[in-house]
Amino acid sequence: MNKLKLILIICVLLIGLLLIFINPIQNAIIAHLSDQLNTAEYSIEDIEKNNQANTDFEFDAVQSLSIAEVLKAQTVTDEIPVIGSIAVPSVDMQLPIVKGVGNTALAVGAGTMKPTQKMGQGNYALAGHYFEEKDILFSPLYKTKIGDTIYITDMTTIYEYKLIAKNIIAPTDVYIIDDIPNKTLLTLITCASNGTKRLALQADFIAQYPFDNAPTKLLNAF
């Protein structure tokens, strides 16, 4: 066997190993980044500053998450505009909320879908990526049940919601994130059917609590 054939065989083997391990590596990095950007590490001043960041809200332009985007997010964690946190205790999900739906934001957590939305007001909409049979990003939402409790916080207030609807919708059903008069909602969107459809969860606002005086079970969710 000449050297060229040997080099080609080694290259093929290396590429094969890379393809086998690239997804577990990517998933491990995403989980680490989500934990790293936990809002417990942010001050109220940090979050107020991040709310002023210029970010991307073009949800239609969102692409499947690649290892390149994940690695990029790892290098710019200090620049990611974290503005809060979301927790769904029933499925052990806790993620940072990041302003906008740019690729970097969605590589680490839940992205806000409307530039002027405010927690506890109107229809607060968040988007996140889904990975089949994984417990990262928005994947756990598939295991939720009607009646589950969902919390979001900006570190000054914890907002409690109750899941009331869980449906597969078309990507064009953008009305789902519109405000509804006299309704306070939380809407969560992720991919379904290999990206051809969307999973949409909607939850009713139940109550809000000052973060510093919130019940222990709420604080433990984050």
N, C-alpha and C. Protein backbone atom coordinates (compact mmCIF):
# COMPACT_ATOMS: atom_id res chain seq x y z
N MET A 1 0.85 -1.20 0.00
CA MET A 1 0.00 0.00 0.00
C MET A 1 0.89 1.25 0.00
N ASN A 2 0.68 2.13 -1.00
CA ASN A 2 1.52 3.32 -1.05
C ASN A 2 1.04 4.36 -0.05
N LYS A 3 1.86 5.39 0.14
CA LYS A 3 1.57 6.41 1.15
C LYS A 3 0.28 7.17 0.86
N LEU A 4 -0.01 7.44 -0.42
CA LEU A 4 -1.21 8.19 -0.78
C LEU A 4 -2.47 7.45 -0.34
N LYS A 5 -2.52 6.12 -0.60
CA LYS A 5 -3.69 5.34 -0.19
C LYS A 5 -3.83 5.34 1.32
N LEU A 6 -2.68 5.22 2.01
CA LEU A 6 -2.72 5.21 3.47
C LEU A 6 -3.26 6.52 4.02
N ILE A 7 -2.83 7.63 3.43
CA ILE A 7 -3.31 8.95 3.85
C ILE A 7 -4.80 9.08 3.62
N LEU A 8 -5.26 8.59 2.45
CA LEU A 8 -6.69 8.66 2.13
C LEU A 8 -7.53 7.84 3.13
N ILE A 9 -7.03 6.65 3.47
CA ILE A 9 -7.74 5.80 4.43
C ILE A 9 -7.82 6.47 5.79
N ILE A 10 -6.72 7.06 6.21
CA ILE A 10 -6.70 7.76 7.50
C ILE A 10 -7.66 8.94 7.49
N CYS A 11 -7.69 9.68 6.39
CA CYS A 11 -8.60 10.83 6.27
C CYS A 11 -10.06 10.38 6.35
N VAL A 12 -10.37 9.28 5.65
CA VAL A 12 -11.74 8.76 5.68
C VAL A 12 -12.12 8.34 7.09
N LEU A 13 -11.21 7.67 7.79
CA LEU A 13 -11.48 7.24 9.16
C LEU A 13 -11.69 8.44 10.08
N LEU A 14 -10.88 9.47 9.92
CA LEU A 14 -11.01 10.66 10.76
C LEU A 14 -12.33 11.37 10.50
N ILE A 15 -12.71 11.46 9.22
CA ILE A 15 -13.99 12.09 8.88
C ILE A 15 -15.14 11.29 9.47
N GLY A 16 -15.04 9.96 9.38
CA GLY A 16 -16.09 9.10 9.95
C GLY A 16 -16.22 9.28 11.45
N LEU A 17 -15.10 9.35 12.15
CA LEU A 17 -15.12 9.57 13.60
C LEU A 17 -15.71 10.94 13.93
N LEU A 18 -15.36 11.93 13.12
CA LEU A 18 -15.89 13.28 13.36
C LEU A 18 -17.40 13.31 13.21
N LEU A 19 -17.91 12.62 12.18
CA LEU A 19 -19.36 12.59 11.97
C LEU A 19 -20.08 11.88 13.11
N ILE A 20 -19.43 10.86 13.68
CA ILE A 20 -20.04 10.12 14.78
C ILE A 20 -20.12 10.97 16.04
N PHE A 21 -19.06 11.73 16.31
CA PHE A 21 -18.97 12.44 17.58
C PHE A 21 -19.37 13.92 17.52
N ILE A 22 -19.60 14.45 16.33
CA ILE A 22 -19.86 15.89 16.23
C ILE A 22 -21.16 16.29 16.93
N ASN A 23 -22.21 15.48 16.81
CA ASN A 23 -23.47 15.84 17.46
C ASN A 23 -23.38 15.80 18.99
N PRO A 24 -22.81 14.74 19.58
CA PRO A 24 -22.64 14.77 21.03
C PRO A 24 -21.80 15.93 21.51
N ILE A 25 -20.75 16.28 20.75
CA ILE A 25 -19.91 17.42 21.13
C ILE A 25 -20.72 18.71 21.07
N GLN A 26 -21.48 18.87 19.98
CA GLN A 26 -22.31 20.07 19.83
C GLN A 26 -23.32 20.18 20.96
N ASN A 27 -23.99 19.08 21.29
CA ASN A 27 -24.99 19.11 22.34
C ASN A 27 -24.39 19.43 23.69
N ALA A 28 -23.20 18.90 23.96
CA ALA A 28 -22.53 19.16 25.23
C ALA A 28 -22.15 20.64 25.34
N ILE A 29 -21.70 21.23 24.24
CA ILE A 29 -21.33 22.65 24.25
C ILE A 29 -22.56 23.51 24.49
N ILE A 30 -23.67 23.18 23.82
CA ILE A 30 -24.91 23.95 24.00
C ILE A 30 -25.37 23.90 25.45
N ALA A 31 -25.37 22.70 26.04
CA ALA A 31 -25.78 22.56 27.44
C ALA A 31 -24.88 23.38 28.35
N HIS A 32 -23.60 23.36 28.07
CA HIS A 32 -22.65 24.13 28.89
C HIS A 32 -22.89 25.63 28.76
N LEU A 33 -23.12 26.08 27.54
CA LEU A 33 -23.36 27.51 27.32
C LEU A 33 -24.64 27.96 28.02
N SER A 34 -25.69 27.16 27.94
CA SER A 34 -26.95 27.51 28.60
C SER A 34 -26.76 27.65 30.10
N ASP A 35 -26.00 26.72 30.68
CA ASP A 35 -25.72 26.80 32.12
C ASP A 35 -24.85 28.00 32.45
N GLN A 36 -23.88 28.26 31.58
CA GLN A 36 -22.95 29.37 31.81
C GLN A 36 -23.66 30.72 31.82
N LEU A 37 -24.72 30.83 31.01
CA LEU A 37 -25.43 32.11 30.89
C LEU A 37 -26.65 32.17 31.81
N ASN A 38 -26.66 31.37 32.85
CA ASN A 38 -27.72 31.43 33.84
C ASN A 38 -27.83 32.84 34.39
N THR A 39 -29.06 33.34 34.52
CA THR A 39 -29.24 34.74 34.93
C THR A 39 -28.77 35.02 36.35
N ALA A 40 -28.50 33.99 37.13
CA ALA A 40 -27.99 34.22 38.48
C ALA A 40 -26.65 34.95 38.44
N GLU A 41 -25.98 34.87 37.29
CA GLU A 41 -24.68 35.52 37.14
C GLU A 41 -24.81 36.96 36.65
N TYR A 42 -26.03 37.44 36.42
CA TYR A 42 -26.24 38.77 35.87
C TYR A 42 -26.89 39.68 36.90
N SER A 43 -26.46 40.92 36.90
CA SER A 43 -27.08 41.91 37.77
C SER A 43 -28.28 42.53 37.04
N ILE A 44 -29.14 43.22 37.78
CA ILE A 44 -30.27 43.91 37.17
C ILE A 44 -29.76 44.94 36.17
N GLU A 45 -28.64 45.57 36.50
CA GLU A 45 -28.05 46.57 35.59
C GLU A 45 -27.59 45.91 34.29
N ASP A 46 -27.01 44.72 34.38
CA ASP A 46 -26.59 43.99 33.18
C ASP A 46 -27.79 43.72 32.27
N ILE A 47 -28.88 43.27 32.88
CA ILE A 47 -30.07 42.93 32.09
C ILE A 47 -30.69 44.18 31.46
N GLU A 48 -30.71 45.28 32.20
CA GLU A 48 -31.24 46.53 31.65
C GLU A 48 -30.39 46.98 30.46
N LYS A 49 -29.08 46.82 30.57
CA LYS A 49 -28.19 47.19 29.46
C LYS A 49 -28.43 46.28 28.25
N ASN A 50 -28.56 44.99 28.50
CA ASN A 50 -28.78 44.04 27.41
C ASN A 50 -30.11 44.28 26.70
N ASN A 51 -31.09 44.80 27.41
CA ASN A 51 -32.37 45.13 26.79
C ASN A 51 -32.25 46.23 25.75
N GLN A 52 -31.17 46.99 25.80
CA GLN A 52 -30.96 48.06 24.83
C GLN A 52 -30.15 47.62 23.61
N ALA A 53 -29.72 46.37 23.59
CA ALA A 53 -28.88 45.89 22.50
C ALA A 53 -29.65 45.84 21.19
N ASN A 54 -28.93 46.10 20.09
CA ASN A 54 -29.51 45.96 18.75
C ASN A 54 -29.37 44.51 18.31
N THR A 55 -30.50 43.86 18.08
CA THR A 55 -30.47 42.43 17.74
C THR A 55 -31.39 42.12 16.58
N ASP A 56 -31.31 40.88 16.11
CA ASP A 56 -32.05 40.43 14.94
C ASP A 56 -33.38 39.79 15.37
N PHE A 57 -34.48 40.21 14.72
CA PHE A 57 -35.79 39.64 15.01
C PHE A 57 -36.40 38.97 13.79
N GLU A 58 -35.58 38.62 12.79
CA GLU A 58 -36.08 37.99 11.58
C GLU A 58 -36.19 36.48 11.79
N PHE A 59 -37.29 36.05 12.41
CA PHE A 59 -37.46 34.63 12.71
C PHE A 59 -37.50 33.78 11.45
N ASP A 60 -38.01 34.33 10.36
CA ASP A 60 -38.09 33.58 9.10
C ASP A 60 -36.70 33.22 8.57
N ALA A 61 -35.69 33.97 8.99
CA ALA A 61 -34.33 33.74 8.49
C ALA A 61 -33.56 32.74 9.35
N VAL A 62 -34.17 32.25 10.43
CA VAL A 62 -33.49 31.33 11.32
C VAL A 62 -33.20 30.01 10.60
N GLN A 63 -31.96 29.54 10.72
CA GLN A 63 -31.54 28.29 10.09
C GLN A 63 -31.31 27.21 11.16
N SER A 64 -31.22 25.97 10.72
CA SER A 64 -30.87 24.89 11.63
C SER A 64 -29.54 25.20 12.29
N LEU A 65 -29.43 24.84 13.54
CA LEU A 65 -28.23 25.17 14.30
C LEU A 65 -27.08 24.29 13.88
N SER A 66 -25.96 24.91 13.52
CA SER A 66 -24.78 24.17 13.07
C SER A 66 -23.70 24.22 14.15
N ILE A 67 -22.74 23.31 14.04
CA ILE A 67 -21.63 23.30 14.98
C ILE A 67 -20.83 24.60 14.89
N ALA A 68 -20.80 25.20 13.68
CA ALA A 68 -20.08 26.46 13.51
C ALA A 68 -20.71 27.57 14.35
N GLU A 69 -22.06 27.63 14.36
CA GLU A 69 -22.75 28.65 15.15
C GLU A 69 -22.56 28.41 16.64
N VAL A 70 -22.56 27.14 17.03
CA VAL A 70 -22.36 26.82 18.45
C VAL A 70 -20.96 27.23 18.90
N LEU A 71 -19.96 26.92 18.07
CA LEU A 71 -18.59 27.30 18.41
C LEU A 71 -18.43 28.82 18.44
N LYS A 72 -19.11 29.50 17.53
CA LYS A 72 -19.06 30.96 17.51
C LYS A 72 -19.66 31.53 18.79
N ALA A 73 -20.80 30.97 19.21
CA ALA A 73 -21.44 31.45 20.44
C ALA A 73 -20.51 31.28 21.63
N GLN A 74 -19.72 30.22 21.63
CA GLN A 74 -18.81 29.96 22.74
C GLN A 74 -17.74 31.04 22.84
N THR A 75 -17.42 31.67 21.73
CA THR A 75 -16.35 32.70 21.73
C THR A 75 -16.86 34.09 22.04
N VAL A 76 -18.20 34.28 22.05
CA VAL A 76 -18.74 35.63 22.26
C VAL A 76 -19.76 35.67 23.40
N THR A 77 -19.59 34.81 24.39
CA THR A 77 -20.57 34.76 25.47
C THR A 77 -20.73 36.10 26.17
N ASP A 78 -19.67 36.87 26.25
CA ASP A 78 -19.75 38.18 26.93
C ASP A 78 -20.63 39.17 26.17
N GLU A 79 -20.87 38.89 24.89
CA GLU A 79 -21.64 39.81 24.06
C GLU A 79 -23.09 39.39 23.87
N ILE A 80 -23.45 38.22 24.38
CA ILE A 80 -24.82 37.72 24.20
C ILE A 80 -25.75 38.45 25.16
N PRO A 81 -26.79 39.12 24.64
CA PRO A 81 -27.66 39.96 25.47
C PRO A 81 -28.71 39.16 26.26
N VAL A 82 -28.29 38.57 27.35
CA VAL A 82 -29.20 37.84 28.23
C VAL A 82 -30.09 38.84 28.97
N ILE A 83 -31.41 38.62 28.91
CA ILE A 83 -32.34 39.56 29.56
C ILE A 83 -33.26 38.87 30.57
N GLY A 84 -33.06 37.59 30.78
CA GLY A 84 -33.92 36.89 31.73
C GLY A 84 -33.71 35.41 31.69
N SER A 85 -34.69 34.68 32.22
CA SER A 85 -34.59 33.24 32.28
C SER A 85 -35.99 32.64 32.20
N ILE A 86 -36.08 31.42 31.65
CA ILE A 86 -37.34 30.68 31.59
C ILE A 86 -37.13 29.32 32.25
N ALA A 87 -38.13 28.88 33.00
CA ALA A 87 -38.05 27.59 33.67
C ALA A 87 -39.37 26.84 33.52
N VAL A 88 -39.27 25.55 33.19
CA VAL A 88 -40.44 24.67 33.14
C VAL A 88 -40.11 23.49 34.04
N PRO A 89 -40.44 23.56 35.31
CA PRO A 89 -40.03 22.53 36.27
C PRO A 89 -40.47 21.12 35.92
N SER A 90 -41.64 20.96 35.31
CA SER A 90 -42.18 19.63 35.04
C SER A 90 -41.31 18.83 34.07
N VAL A 91 -40.53 19.52 33.23
CA VAL A 91 -39.65 18.83 32.28
C VAL A 91 -38.19 19.19 32.51
N ASP A 92 -37.91 19.75 33.68
CA ASP A 92 -36.54 20.08 34.08
C ASP A 92 -35.84 20.96 33.04
N MET A 93 -36.54 21.97 32.58
CA MET A 93 -35.97 22.90 31.59
C MET A 93 -35.72 24.25 32.22
N GLN A 94 -34.52 24.77 32.07
CA GLN A 94 -34.18 26.11 32.54
C GLN A 94 -33.16 26.69 31.57
N LEU A 95 -33.52 27.84 30.97
CA LEU A 95 -32.69 28.44 29.93
C LEU A 95 -32.60 29.94 30.10
N PRO A 96 -31.51 30.54 29.62
CA PRO A 96 -31.49 32.00 29.56
C PRO A 96 -32.42 32.50 28.48
N ILE A 97 -33.02 33.66 28.71
CA ILE A 97 -33.77 34.36 27.67
C ILE A 97 -32.85 35.40 27.08
N VAL A 98 -32.74 35.39 25.77
CA VAL A 98 -31.81 36.28 25.06
C VAL A 98 -32.60 37.18 24.12
N LYS A 99 -32.21 38.44 24.04
CA LYS A 99 -32.93 39.36 23.17
C LYS A 99 -32.69 39.02 21.70
N GLY A 100 -33.81 38.88 20.95
CA GLY A 100 -33.71 38.61 19.53
C GLY A 100 -33.64 37.12 19.20
N VAL A 101 -33.67 36.83 17.90
CA VAL A 101 -33.63 35.44 17.43
C VAL A 101 -32.47 35.23 16.45
N GLY A 102 -31.38 35.94 16.67
CA GLY A 102 -30.18 35.72 15.87
C GLY A 102 -29.62 34.33 16.13
N ASN A 103 -28.77 33.84 15.22
CA ASN A 103 -28.24 32.50 15.34
C ASN A 103 -27.47 32.28 16.64
N THR A 104 -26.73 33.30 17.06
CA THR A 104 -25.96 33.16 18.30
C THR A 104 -26.89 33.07 19.50
N ALA A 105 -27.93 33.91 19.52
CA ALA A 105 -28.89 33.88 20.63
C ALA A 105 -29.55 32.51 20.74
N LEU A 106 -29.97 31.95 19.62
CA LEU A 106 -30.69 30.68 19.63
C LEU A 106 -29.76 29.49 19.84
N ALA A 107 -28.46 29.73 19.83
CA ALA A 107 -27.50 28.66 20.13
C ALA A 107 -27.36 28.43 21.62
N VAL A 108 -27.89 29.35 22.42
CA VAL A 108 -27.69 29.24 23.87
C VAL A 108 -28.98 29.22 24.68
N GLY A 109 -30.10 29.70 24.09
CA GLY A 109 -31.31 29.77 24.90
C GLY A 109 -32.55 30.12 24.12
N ALA A 110 -33.48 30.79 24.80
CA ALA A 110 -34.75 31.20 24.21
C ALA A 110 -34.65 32.63 23.72
N GLY A 111 -35.04 32.88 22.48
CA GLY A 111 -34.93 34.21 21.89
C GLY A 111 -36.26 34.93 21.85
N THR A 112 -36.25 36.21 22.17
CA THR A 112 -37.49 37.00 22.11
C THR A 112 -37.85 37.28 20.66
N MET A 113 -39.15 37.19 20.33
CA MET A 113 -39.58 37.26 18.95
C MET A 113 -40.09 38.63 18.51
N LYS A 114 -40.31 39.54 19.47
CA LYS A 114 -40.81 40.88 19.13
C LYS A 114 -39.97 41.92 19.88
N PRO A 115 -39.54 42.98 19.19
CA PRO A 115 -38.60 43.92 19.80
C PRO A 115 -39.14 44.72 20.97
N THR A 116 -40.45 44.91 21.06
CA THR A 116 -41.00 45.77 22.11
C THR A 116 -41.74 44.99 23.19
N GLN A 117 -41.73 43.68 23.13
CA GLN A 117 -42.48 42.91 24.10
C GLN A 117 -41.89 43.03 25.50
N LYS A 118 -42.76 42.93 26.51
CA LYS A 118 -42.34 43.03 27.90
C LYS A 118 -42.92 41.88 28.70
N MET A 119 -42.14 41.35 29.62
CA MET A 119 -42.61 40.25 30.45
C MET A 119 -43.85 40.65 31.24
N GLY A 120 -44.79 39.73 31.30
CA GLY A 120 -45.99 39.98 32.07
C GLY A 120 -46.99 40.89 31.39
N GLN A 121 -46.73 41.20 30.09
CA GLN A 121 -47.64 42.07 29.35
C GLN A 121 -47.90 41.46 27.97
N GLY A 122 -49.14 41.63 27.49
CA GLY A 122 -49.47 41.20 26.13
C GLY A 122 -49.18 39.72 25.90
N ASN A 123 -48.62 39.42 24.73
CA ASN A 123 -48.28 38.05 24.35
C ASN A 123 -46.76 37.97 24.25
N TYR A 124 -46.13 37.51 25.30
CA TYR A 124 -44.67 37.43 25.35
C TYR A 124 -44.24 36.16 24.62
N ALA A 125 -43.52 36.34 23.51
CA ALA A 125 -43.23 35.22 22.62
C ALA A 125 -41.74 34.90 22.60
N LEU A 126 -41.43 33.60 22.71
CA LEU A 126 -40.06 33.12 22.71
C LEU A 126 -39.90 31.99 21.71
N ALA A 127 -38.75 31.94 21.06
CA ALA A 127 -38.44 30.87 20.11
C ALA A 127 -37.18 30.14 20.56
N GLY A 128 -37.10 28.86 20.21
CA GLY A 128 -35.91 28.09 20.54
C GLY A 128 -35.76 26.90 19.62
N HIS A 129 -34.55 26.37 19.55
CA HIS A 129 -34.28 25.22 18.70
C HIS A 129 -34.72 23.91 19.37
N TYR A 130 -35.00 22.93 18.51
CA TYR A 130 -35.40 21.58 18.96
C TYR A 130 -34.45 20.55 18.40
N PHE A 131 -34.04 19.60 19.26
CA PHE A 131 -33.21 18.48 18.84
C PHE A 131 -33.92 17.20 19.26
N GLU A 132 -34.19 16.32 18.32
CA GLU A 132 -34.94 15.10 18.61
C GLU A 132 -34.26 14.26 19.67
N GLU A 133 -35.04 13.85 20.66
CA GLU A 133 -34.59 12.97 21.73
C GLU A 133 -33.43 13.55 22.53
N LYS A 134 -33.35 14.86 22.63
CA LYS A 134 -32.33 15.51 23.43
C LYS A 134 -33.01 16.40 24.47
N ASP A 135 -32.29 16.71 25.52
CA ASP A 135 -32.84 17.55 26.58
C ASP A 135 -32.14 18.90 26.63
N ILE A 136 -31.94 19.49 25.45
CA ILE A 136 -31.29 20.79 25.37
C ILE A 136 -32.22 21.79 24.67
N LEU A 137 -31.99 23.06 24.96
CA LEU A 137 -32.77 24.15 24.39
C LEU A 137 -34.27 23.86 24.55
N PHE A 138 -35.08 23.99 23.48
CA PHE A 138 -36.53 23.83 23.61
C PHE A 138 -37.01 22.39 23.44
N SER A 139 -36.11 21.44 23.30
CA SER A 139 -36.51 20.04 23.11
C SER A 139 -37.42 19.52 24.22
N PRO A 140 -37.18 19.85 25.50
CA PRO A 140 -38.06 19.32 26.56
C PRO A 140 -39.52 19.75 26.44
N LEU A 141 -39.80 20.79 25.66
CA LEU A 141 -41.19 21.26 25.56
C LEU A 141 -42.12 20.20 24.99
N TYR A 142 -41.57 19.24 24.23
CA TYR A 142 -42.41 18.17 23.70
C TYR A 142 -42.98 17.29 24.80
N LYS A 143 -42.35 17.30 25.96
CA LYS A 143 -42.80 16.45 27.07
C LYS A 143 -43.77 17.18 28.01
N THR A 144 -44.05 18.43 27.75
CA THR A 144 -44.95 19.18 28.62
C THR A 144 -46.39 18.70 28.48
N LYS A 145 -47.20 19.01 29.50
CA LYS A 145 -48.61 18.65 29.48
C LYS A 145 -49.45 19.88 29.82
N ILE A 146 -50.66 19.90 29.30
CA ILE A 146 -51.59 20.99 29.62
C ILE A 146 -51.72 21.09 31.14
N GLY A 147 -51.62 22.31 31.65
CA GLY A 147 -51.68 22.53 33.08
C GLY A 147 -50.33 22.73 33.72
N ASP A 148 -49.25 22.42 32.99
CA ASP A 148 -47.90 22.62 33.53
C ASP A 148 -47.66 24.10 33.82
N THR A 149 -46.84 24.35 34.82
CA THR A 149 -46.47 25.71 35.18
C THR A 149 -45.17 26.12 34.48
N ILE A 150 -45.16 27.35 33.99
CA ILE A 150 -43.97 27.91 33.34
C ILE A 150 -43.66 29.24 34.01
N TYR A 151 -42.38 29.46 34.30
CA TYR A 151 -41.95 30.71 34.91
C TYR A 151 -40.98 31.45 33.98
N ILE A 152 -41.09 32.76 33.97
CA ILE A 152 -40.06 33.59 33.35
C ILE A 152 -39.70 34.69 34.33
N THR A 153 -38.47 35.18 34.24
CA THR A 153 -38.04 36.24 35.15
C THR A 153 -37.05 37.17 34.48
N ASP A 154 -37.05 38.42 34.94
CA ASP A 154 -36.05 39.40 34.52
C ASP A 154 -35.17 39.79 35.71
N MET A 155 -35.18 38.98 36.74
CA MET A 155 -34.41 39.16 37.97
C MET A 155 -34.97 40.22 38.90
N THR A 156 -36.04 40.89 38.48
CA THR A 156 -36.74 41.80 39.40
C THR A 156 -38.09 41.22 39.77
N THR A 157 -38.69 40.47 38.81
CA THR A 157 -40.02 39.89 39.01
C THR A 157 -40.04 38.48 38.41
N ILE A 158 -40.76 37.56 39.07
CA ILE A 158 -41.01 36.24 38.50
C ILE A 158 -42.46 36.19 38.05
N TYR A 159 -42.67 35.80 36.79
CA TYR A 159 -44.01 35.72 36.22
C TYR A 159 -44.40 34.25 36.07
N GLU A 160 -45.57 33.90 36.57
CA GLU A 160 -46.05 32.53 36.53
C GLU A 160 -47.15 32.38 35.48
N TYR A 161 -47.02 31.34 34.66
CA TYR A 161 -48.00 31.04 33.62
C TYR A 161 -48.43 29.58 33.72
N LYS A 162 -49.61 29.28 33.18
CA LYS A 162 -50.13 27.91 33.15
C LYS A 162 -50.38 27.51 31.70
N LEU A 163 -49.82 26.38 31.29
CA LEU A 163 -49.94 25.92 29.91
C LEU A 163 -51.38 25.55 29.58
N ILE A 164 -51.92 26.17 28.52
CA ILE A 164 -53.32 25.94 28.14
C ILE A 164 -53.48 25.37 26.75
N ALA A 165 -52.44 25.44 25.91
CA ALA A 165 -52.57 24.95 24.53
C ALA A 165 -51.21 24.47 24.02
N LYS A 166 -51.26 23.40 23.23
CA LYS A 166 -50.05 22.81 22.66
C LYS A 166 -50.42 22.22 21.30
N ASN A 167 -49.97 22.90 20.23
CA ASN A 167 -50.44 22.52 18.89
C ASN A 167 -49.30 22.56 17.87
N ILE A 168 -49.45 21.75 16.84
CA ILE A 168 -48.56 21.81 15.68
C ILE A 168 -49.19 22.78 14.69
N ILE A 169 -48.43 23.77 14.25
CA ILE A 169 -48.96 24.79 13.35
C ILE A 169 -48.05 24.93 12.12
N ALA A 170 -48.54 25.65 11.12
CA ALA A 170 -47.75 25.93 9.93
C ALA A 170 -46.77 27.08 10.22
N PRO A 171 -45.63 27.10 9.54
CA PRO A 171 -44.68 28.20 9.74
C PRO A 171 -45.27 29.57 9.42
N THR A 172 -46.31 29.58 8.60
CA THR A 172 -46.93 30.85 8.22
C THR A 172 -47.94 31.37 9.24
N ASP A 173 -48.21 30.59 10.27
CA ASP A 173 -49.21 31.00 11.28
C ASP A 173 -48.59 31.97 12.29
N VAL A 174 -48.10 33.08 11.77
CA VAL A 174 -47.39 34.05 12.62
C VAL A 174 -48.33 34.81 13.55
N TYR A 175 -49.63 34.71 13.30
CA TYR A 175 -50.60 35.37 14.17
C TYR A 175 -50.50 34.87 15.61
N ILE A 176 -49.90 33.70 15.79
CA ILE A 176 -49.84 33.07 17.10
C ILE A 176 -49.09 33.93 18.12
N ILE A 177 -48.23 34.84 17.63
CA ILE A 177 -47.47 35.66 18.57
C ILE A 177 -48.06 37.07 18.70
N ASP A 178 -49.17 37.33 18.02
CA ASP A 178 -49.80 38.64 18.12
C ASP A 178 -50.42 38.85 19.50
N ASP A 179 -50.45 40.10 19.94
CA ASP A 179 -51.14 40.43 21.18
C ASP A 179 -52.65 40.26 20.99
N ILE A 180 -53.32 39.86 22.05
CA ILE A 180 -54.78 39.70 22.06
C ILE A 180 -55.33 40.63 23.13
N PRO A 181 -56.29 41.49 22.78
CA PRO A 181 -56.84 42.43 23.76
C PRO A 181 -57.30 41.72 25.04
N ASN A 182 -56.92 42.30 26.17
CA ASN A 182 -57.34 41.80 27.49
C ASN A 182 -56.82 40.40 27.81
N LYS A 183 -55.76 39.96 27.11
CA LYS A 183 -55.16 38.67 27.40
C LYS A 183 -53.67 38.85 27.67
N THR A 184 -53.17 38.15 28.69
CA THR A 184 -51.75 38.14 28.99
C THR A 184 -51.25 36.71 28.81
N LEU A 185 -50.41 36.50 27.81
CA LEU A 185 -50.01 35.15 27.41
C LEU A 185 -48.50 35.01 27.33
N LEU A 186 -48.08 33.76 27.34
CA LEU A 186 -46.70 33.39 27.02
C LEU A 186 -46.78 32.40 25.87
N THR A 187 -46.07 32.67 24.78
CA THR A 187 -46.07 31.78 23.62
C THR A 187 -44.66 31.27 23.36
N LEU A 188 -44.52 29.97 23.21
CA LEU A 188 -43.23 29.33 22.97
C LEU A 188 -43.30 28.60 21.64
N ILE A 189 -42.30 28.84 20.78
CA ILE A 189 -42.29 28.28 19.43
C ILE A 189 -41.00 27.50 19.20
N THR A 190 -41.13 26.30 18.63
CA THR A 190 -39.96 25.54 18.21
C THR A 190 -40.32 24.72 16.97
N CYS A 191 -39.36 24.02 16.42
CA CYS A 191 -39.58 23.28 15.17
C CYS A 191 -40.35 21.99 15.40
N ALA A 192 -41.02 21.53 14.36
CA ALA A 192 -41.72 20.24 14.36
C ALA A 192 -41.66 19.66 12.95
N SER A 193 -41.83 18.35 12.85
CA SER A 193 -41.89 17.66 11.55
C SER A 193 -40.69 18.01 10.68
N ASN A 194 -39.49 17.84 11.26
CA ASN A 194 -38.24 18.10 10.54
C ASN A 194 -38.15 19.52 9.98
N GLY A 195 -38.72 20.45 10.71
CA GLY A 195 -38.61 21.85 10.32
C GLY A 195 -39.70 22.34 9.39
N THR A 196 -40.59 21.45 8.96
CA THR A 196 -41.64 21.86 8.03
C THR A 196 -42.83 22.48 8.76
N LYS A 197 -42.92 22.24 10.05
CA LYS A 197 -44.00 22.82 10.85
C LYS A 197 -43.42 23.37 12.15
N ARG A 198 -44.29 23.86 13.01
CA ARG A 198 -43.86 24.43 14.29
C ARG A 198 -44.69 23.84 15.43
N LEU A 199 -44.05 23.66 16.57
CA LEU A 199 -44.76 23.35 17.80
C LEU A 199 -44.99 24.67 18.53
N ALA A 200 -46.24 24.96 18.85
CA ALA A 200 -46.58 26.21 19.54
C ALA A 200 -47.25 25.90 20.87
N LEU A 201 -46.69 26.43 21.93
CA LEU A 201 -47.27 26.31 23.25
C LEU A 201 -47.76 27.68 23.69
N GLN A 202 -48.94 27.73 24.30
CA GLN A 202 -49.42 28.99 24.85
C GLN A 202 -49.85 28.78 26.30
N ALA A 203 -49.51 29.77 27.12
CA ALA A 203 -49.79 29.69 28.55
C ALA A 203 -50.43 30.99 29.03
N ASP A 204 -51.37 30.84 29.95
CA ASP A 204 -52.07 31.98 30.55
C ASP A 204 -51.28 32.52 31.73
N PHE A 205 -51.27 33.84 31.86
CA PHE A 205 -50.65 34.49 33.01
C PHE A 205 -51.46 34.17 34.27
N ILE A 206 -50.74 33.79 35.34
CA ILE A 206 -51.39 33.45 36.60
C ILE A 206 -51.11 34.50 37.69
N ALA A 207 -49.83 34.82 37.87
CA ALA A 207 -49.46 35.74 38.95
C ALA A 207 -48.03 36.21 38.74
N GLN A 208 -47.64 37.24 39.50
CA GLN A 208 -46.26 37.69 39.48
C GLN A 208 -45.80 37.93 40.92
N TYR A 209 -44.48 37.75 41.11
CA TYR A 209 -43.91 37.84 42.45
C TYR A 209 -42.62 38.65 42.39
N PRO A 210 -42.39 39.54 43.36
CA PRO A 210 -41.10 40.22 43.43
C PRO A 210 -39.99 39.17 43.59
N PHE A 211 -38.95 39.26 42.82
CA PHE A 211 -37.91 38.23 42.82
C PHE A 211 -37.33 38.04 44.22
N ASP A 212 -37.07 39.13 44.92
CA ASP A 212 -36.42 39.04 46.24
C ASP A 212 -37.30 38.39 47.29
N ASN A 213 -38.63 38.40 47.09
CA ASN A 213 -39.56 37.83 48.08
C ASN A 213 -40.37 36.68 47.53
N ALA A 214 -39.92 36.10 46.44
CA ALA A 214 -40.68 35.01 45.81
C ALA A 214 -40.61 33.74 46.66
N PRO A 215 -41.64 32.89 46.61
CA PRO A 215 -41.60 31.61 47.33
C PRO A 215 -40.38 30.79 46.93
N THR A 216 -39.87 30.01 47.84
CA THR A 216 -38.64 29.24 47.61
C THR A 216 -38.76 28.32 46.39
N LYS A 217 -39.93 27.71 46.19
CA LYS A 217 -40.07 26.77 45.06
C LYS A 217 -39.92 27.49 43.72
N LEU A 218 -40.27 28.77 43.66
CA LEU A 218 -40.09 29.53 42.42
C LEU A 218 -38.62 29.83 42.20
N LEU A 219 -37.94 30.25 43.25
CA LEU A 219 -36.52 30.56 43.13
C LEU A 219 -35.72 29.30 42.76
N ASN A 220 -36.14 28.16 43.31
CA ASN A 220 -35.43 26.91 43.01
C ASN A 220 -35.60 26.49 41.55
N ALA A 221 -36.64 26.99 40.89
CA ALA A 221 -36.85 26.65 39.48
C ALA A 221 -35.75 27.21 38.60
N PHE A 222 -35.13 28.30 39.08
CA PHE A 222 -34.07 28.94 38.32
C PHE A 222 -32.68 28.57 38.82
